[in-house]
Amino acid sequence: MRVISVSVNGIQQAGQRGLFDWLAGQDAEIICLQDLRARAYYVEDSPEFQLDGYSGYFFDSPDEHCNGVAIYTRQMPKAVMFGFGLPNGEDMNGRYLQADFERLSVISLLVPEGTKDGIKDETAHNAKMDFLHGLQDHLVKISHKRRDYIICANLGLAHSHIDVEHADIHNDSSGFLPEERQWLDQLYGDIGYTDAFREGNEDADEFSWWPSGTIGEGDAWRTDTQIASKNLSSRVEYAVLYKSKAFSNHTPVIVDYEIHDL
């Protein structure tokens, strides 16, 4: 089963660059998009954002110019969940969308930025960490359920030095701060989730995001991934970042799983 995740920097722009033509030829069972920057009703009503053979589910932000996540799936889900229950409601701001099937749940996730206008900002960083701590509590809770999970995410976090092209100069940069890396250590350690991309691809030069705005220009990070629950860690068959064509300054994350029944 193929799952594709793409952070699009605006679904209109990505569509104009050929994203949906490319997705139509990828034979994916499930496709997750993040950072739509459009209202859900607009995406739902626009034929250019639909895929033949797929049902689409969309979650937007009150501000049509930011956030927004989507899930396209060939098989109709049993349930769709919007948000995961943060007290401040930040998870309801077009950041977390979950589709539940018989044995598997797939989540499209967009983590808040820890900067303001690209500049380090304490308030933005604290809001990001509050979101991550709440998300961690949620992921611990659902890890005890008798089902599998795949989380398609633009995390805004890089885990280790192999995931940042110039890691030596970014130890104090948002997305690679010690407390952010520790959060991932806990997720992939004690909590028991797996970086599915790394299960299928150990290459050192794999990056998914270019902050400069153009793929291949400036330093690069791997902040986009798919996260799998414990039972799926051994079912990752193949993982790659698609770099042949740019739909945004994030590359699509493609992972094939040995899953035959949702």
Protein backbone atom coordinates (compact mmCIF):
# COMPACT_ATOMS: atom_id res chain seq x y z
CA MET A 1 0.00 0.00 0.00
CA ARG A 2 1.40 3.36 -1.03
CA VAL A 3 0.91 6.49 1.10
CA ILE A 4 2.00 9.94 -0.12
CA SER A 5 2.35 13.06 2.00
CA VAL A 6 2.96 16.57 0.61
CA SER A 7 3.18 19.97 2.29
CA VAL A 8 1.98 22.18 -0.55
CA ASN A 9 2.48 25.82 0.54
CA GLY A 10 -0.96 26.57 -0.88
CA ILE A 11 -3.05 24.07 -2.82
CA GLN A 12 -3.73 26.52 -5.66
CA GLN A 13 -0.04 27.09 -6.33
CA ALA A 14 0.77 23.39 -6.08
CA GLY A 15 -2.08 22.53 -8.43
CA GLN A 16 -0.84 25.03 -10.99
CA ARG A 17 2.56 23.36 -10.82
CA GLY A 18 1.05 20.00 -11.75
CA LEU A 19 0.61 18.33 -8.36
CA PHE A 20 -2.72 16.67 -9.14
CA ASP A 21 -1.58 15.40 -12.52
CA TRP A 22 1.41 13.82 -10.79
CA LEU A 23 -0.65 12.35 -7.93
CA ALA A 24 -3.07 10.77 -10.42
CA GLY A 25 -0.25 8.62 -11.74
CA GLN A 26 1.23 7.47 -8.44
CA ASP A 27 -1.15 4.58 -7.62
CA ALA A 28 -1.37 5.66 -3.95
CA GLU A 29 -4.03 4.26 -1.67
CA ILE A 30 -3.95 7.36 0.55
CA ILE A 31 -2.69 10.89 -0.06
CA CYS A 32 -2.26 13.51 2.67
CA LEU A 33 -1.71 17.23 2.07
CA GLN A 34 -0.70 19.93 4.53
CA ASP A 35 -0.68 23.74 4.42
CA LEU A 36 -3.54 24.13 1.93
CA ARG A 37 -4.03 27.86 2.57
CA ALA A 38 -7.60 27.64 1.30
CA ARG A 39 -11.06 27.18 2.75
CA ALA A 40 -12.41 23.63 2.79
CA TYR A 41 -15.59 24.52 0.87
CA TYR A 42 -13.51 26.10 -1.90
CA VAL A 43 -11.35 22.99 -2.29
CA GLU A 44 -14.39 20.69 -2.16
CA ASP A 45 -16.18 22.68 -4.87
CA SER A 46 -13.21 23.00 -7.24
CA PRO A 47 -12.84 20.17 -9.79
CA GLU A 48 -9.13 20.85 -10.22
CA PHE A 49 -8.51 19.71 -6.64
CA GLN A 50 -10.34 16.39 -6.98
CA LEU A 51 -8.81 13.03 -7.90
CA ASP A 52 -10.74 10.39 -9.84
CA GLY A 53 -11.34 7.31 -7.72
CA TYR A 54 -10.67 9.09 -4.42
CA SER A 55 -12.83 10.62 -1.71
CA GLY A 56 -11.40 13.85 -0.30
CA TYR A 57 -11.69 15.21 3.23
CA PHE A 58 -10.56 18.72 4.15
CA PHE A 59 -10.03 20.73 7.32
CA ASP A 60 -9.37 24.45 7.11
CA SER A 61 -8.39 27.38 9.30
CA PRO A 62 -10.51 30.43 10.13
CA ASP A 63 -7.80 32.30 8.22
CA GLU A 64 -7.95 31.11 4.61
CA HIS A 65 -4.35 32.20 4.06
CA CYS A 66 -2.76 29.69 6.46
CA ASN A 67 -2.85 26.06 7.57
CA GLY A 68 -5.35 23.50 6.25
CA VAL A 69 -4.92 19.73 5.83
CA ALA A 70 -6.47 17.09 3.57
CA ILE A 71 -6.77 13.34 3.13
CA TYR A 72 -7.64 11.65 -0.18
CA THR A 73 -8.45 7.95 0.03
CA ARG A 74 -9.64 5.27 -2.36
CA GLN A 75 -11.53 3.43 0.37
CA MET A 76 -14.30 5.22 2.27
CA PRO A 77 -13.29 5.67 5.93
CA LYS A 78 -15.52 4.51 8.76
CA ALA A 79 -15.06 7.86 10.52
CA VAL A 80 -13.24 11.18 10.12
CA MET A 81 -11.96 13.15 13.12
CA PHE A 82 -11.15 16.85 13.13
CA GLY A 83 -8.61 17.84 15.80
CA PHE A 84 -7.53 15.81 18.81
CA GLY A 85 -8.82 17.83 21.76
CA LEU A 86 -6.30 20.51 22.78
CA PRO A 87 -7.78 22.80 25.47
CA ASN A 88 -6.72 25.96 23.58
CA GLY A 89 -8.25 24.69 20.34
CA GLU A 90 -5.08 25.13 18.31
CA ASP A 91 -5.50 21.59 16.93
CA MET A 92 -8.79 22.76 15.42
CA ASN A 93 -7.03 25.37 13.33
CA GLY A 94 -6.72 23.19 10.21
CA ARG A 95 -3.83 21.18 11.62
CA TYR A 96 -5.03 17.63 12.43
CA LEU A 97 -7.31 15.44 10.34
CA GLN A 98 -7.76 11.70 10.96
CA ALA A 99 -9.43 9.07 8.79
CA ASP A 100 -10.33 5.79 10.53
CA PHE A 101 -10.59 2.53 8.63
CA GLU A 102 -11.24 -0.96 10.02
CA ARG A 103 -7.74 -1.57 11.40
CA LEU A 104 -5.81 1.53 10.39
CA SER A 105 -6.04 5.27 11.06
CA VAL A 106 -4.25 7.83 8.88
CA ILE A 107 -3.56 11.35 10.11
CA SER A 108 -2.62 14.46 8.14
CA LEU A 109 -0.72 16.76 10.51
CA LEU A 110 0.67 20.28 10.32
CA VAL A 111 2.67 21.49 13.35
CA PRO A 112 2.68 25.25 14.10
CA GLU A 113 5.77 27.23 13.20
CA GLY A 114 8.02 28.27 16.06
CA THR A 115 8.89 31.57 14.40
CA LYS A 116 7.08 34.76 13.44
CA ASP A 117 7.69 35.94 9.90
CA GLY A 118 10.69 33.63 9.79
CA ILE A 119 12.28 35.20 12.89
CA LYS A 120 12.77 33.46 16.23
CA ASP A 121 9.92 34.43 18.52
CA GLU A 122 9.39 33.23 22.10
CA THR A 123 5.59 33.39 21.97
CA ALA A 124 5.45 31.39 18.73
CA HIS A 125 7.95 28.87 20.07
CA ASN A 126 5.99 28.39 23.30
CA ALA A 127 2.77 27.88 21.32
CA LYS A 128 4.52 25.29 19.15
CA MET A 129 5.81 23.40 22.19
CA ASP A 130 2.36 23.51 23.84
CA PHE A 131 0.94 21.95 20.67
CA LEU A 132 3.65 19.29 20.62
CA HIS A 133 3.17 18.39 24.28
CA GLY A 134 -0.58 18.06 23.77
CA LEU A 135 0.02 15.99 20.64
CA GLN A 136 2.42 13.75 22.54
CA ASP A 137 -0.21 13.08 25.21
CA HIS A 138 -2.68 12.19 22.47
CA LEU A 139 -0.22 9.89 20.70
CA VAL A 140 0.56 8.09 23.96
CA LYS A 141 -3.16 7.58 24.53
CA ILE A 142 -3.93 6.18 21.09
CA SER A 143 -0.83 3.96 21.12
CA HIS A 144 -2.72 1.70 23.54
CA LYS A 145 -5.60 1.19 21.12
CA ARG A 146 -5.86 -1.99 19.08
CA ARG A 147 -5.27 -0.35 15.72
CA ASP A 148 -2.38 0.90 13.61
CA TYR A 149 -1.56 4.52 12.81
CA ILE A 150 0.24 6.35 10.02
CA ILE A 151 0.86 10.06 10.62
CA CYS A 152 1.71 12.08 7.51
CA ALA A 153 3.32 15.21 8.85
CA ASN A 154 4.96 18.50 8.17
CA LEU A 155 6.51 18.56 11.64
CA GLY A 156 8.65 21.66 11.35
CA LEU A 157 11.23 19.56 13.25
CA ALA A 158 14.42 17.80 12.25
CA HIS A 159 15.50 14.88 14.40
CA SER A 160 19.25 14.45 14.00
CA HIS A 161 22.30 15.94 12.29
CA ILE A 162 21.72 13.73 9.26
CA ASP A 163 18.42 15.59 8.74
CA VAL A 164 19.89 19.11 8.47
CA GLU A 165 22.33 19.92 5.70
CA HIS A 166 24.34 22.39 7.80
CA ALA A 167 23.49 21.10 11.25
CA ASP A 168 26.53 22.68 12.89
CA ILE A 169 25.13 26.19 12.41
CA HIS A 170 21.51 25.38 13.34
CA ASN A 171 21.73 24.20 16.96
CA ASP A 172 19.94 27.39 17.99
CA SER A 173 17.45 27.42 15.10
CA SER A 174 13.72 26.78 15.48
CA GLY A 175 13.02 23.23 14.36
CA PHE A 176 16.37 21.90 15.60
CA LEU A 177 16.38 23.13 19.20
CA PRO A 178 17.33 20.65 21.94
CA GLU A 179 13.79 20.49 23.35
CA GLU A 180 12.34 19.86 19.88
CA ARG A 181 14.80 17.06 19.16
CA GLN A 182 14.10 15.61 22.60
CA TRP A 183 10.39 15.50 21.73
CA LEU A 184 11.24 13.34 18.72
CA ASP A 185 13.59 11.20 20.83
CA GLN A 186 10.67 10.44 23.13
CA LEU A 187 8.25 9.81 20.25
CA TYR A 188 10.60 7.34 18.58
CA GLY A 189 11.91 5.94 21.86
CA ASP A 190 9.76 5.41 24.94
CA ILE A 191 6.43 6.03 23.17
CA GLY A 192 7.27 3.52 20.46
CA TYR A 193 6.47 5.22 17.14
CA THR A 194 8.76 4.91 14.12
CA ASP A 195 10.08 7.37 11.57
CA ALA A 196 8.73 5.33 8.66
CA PHE A 197 10.82 7.21 6.11
CA ARG A 198 14.03 6.22 7.88
CA GLU A 199 12.86 2.61 8.08
CA GLY A 200 12.89 2.54 4.30
CA ASN A 201 15.66 5.00 3.46
CA GLU A 202 18.92 5.55 5.37
CA ASP A 203 20.63 7.83 2.84
CA ALA A 204 22.41 10.79 4.40
CA ASP A 205 21.48 13.37 1.78
CA GLU A 206 17.70 13.10 1.98
CA PHE A 207 16.06 16.48 2.63
CA SER A 208 12.45 17.53 2.22
CA TRP A 209 12.37 21.30 2.85
CA TRP A 210 14.31 24.29 1.58
CA PRO A 211 13.55 27.37 3.76
CA SER A 212 14.88 29.63 0.99
CA GLY A 213 11.72 28.83 -0.97
CA THR A 214 13.28 26.89 -3.86
CA ILE A 215 14.24 23.21 -3.86
CA GLY A 216 17.99 22.85 -4.25
CA GLU A 217 18.80 26.42 -3.20
CA GLY A 218 20.18 27.24 0.25
CA ASP A 219 20.50 24.81 3.11
CA ALA A 220 18.04 21.93 3.34
CA TRP A 221 16.18 20.12 6.14
CA ARG A 222 14.16 16.92 6.48
CA THR A 223 11.10 18.11 8.39
CA ASP A 224 8.48 16.11 6.48
CA THR A 225 7.94 12.43 7.20
CA GLN A 226 5.50 9.64 7.84
CA ILE A 227 5.32 8.30 11.38
CA ALA A 228 4.14 4.74 11.93
CA SER A 229 2.89 3.04 15.07
CA LYS A 230 4.89 0.15 16.49
CA ASN A 231 3.21 -2.72 14.63
CA LEU A 232 3.90 -1.09 11.27
CA SER A 233 7.63 -0.49 11.73
CA SER A 234 8.51 -3.83 10.13
CA ARG A 235 6.04 -3.32 7.26
CA VAL A 236 7.83 -0.43 5.57
CA GLU A 237 9.00 -1.70 2.18
CA TYR A 238 10.24 1.46 0.45
CA ALA A 239 10.57 5.18 1.11
CA VAL A 240 11.66 8.07 -1.08
CA LEU A 241 11.46 11.84 -1.37
CA TYR A 242 10.30 12.86 -4.85
CA LYS A 243 12.59 15.59 -6.19
CA SER A 244 12.14 15.45 -9.96
CA LYS A 245 9.55 18.22 -9.96
CA ALA A 246 8.82 20.94 -7.41
CA PHE A 247 5.21 21.54 -6.30
CA SER A 248 6.29 23.67 -3.31
CA ASN A 249 9.52 24.05 -1.34
CA HIS A 250 8.68 20.72 0.33
CA THR A 251 9.18 17.42 -1.48
CA PRO A 252 6.51 14.68 -1.47
CA VAL A 253 7.20 11.81 0.95
CA ILE A 254 6.35 8.41 -0.59
CA VAL A 255 6.24 5.29 1.58
CA ASP A 256 5.13 1.80 0.56
CA TYR A 257 3.84 -0.46 3.34
CA GLU A 258 3.15 -4.17 3.40
CA ILE A 259 -0.51 -3.56 4.18
CA HIS A 260 -3.20 -5.34 2.18
CA ASP A 261 -6.33 -4.66 4.21
CA LEU A 262 -7.23 -1.35 5.79
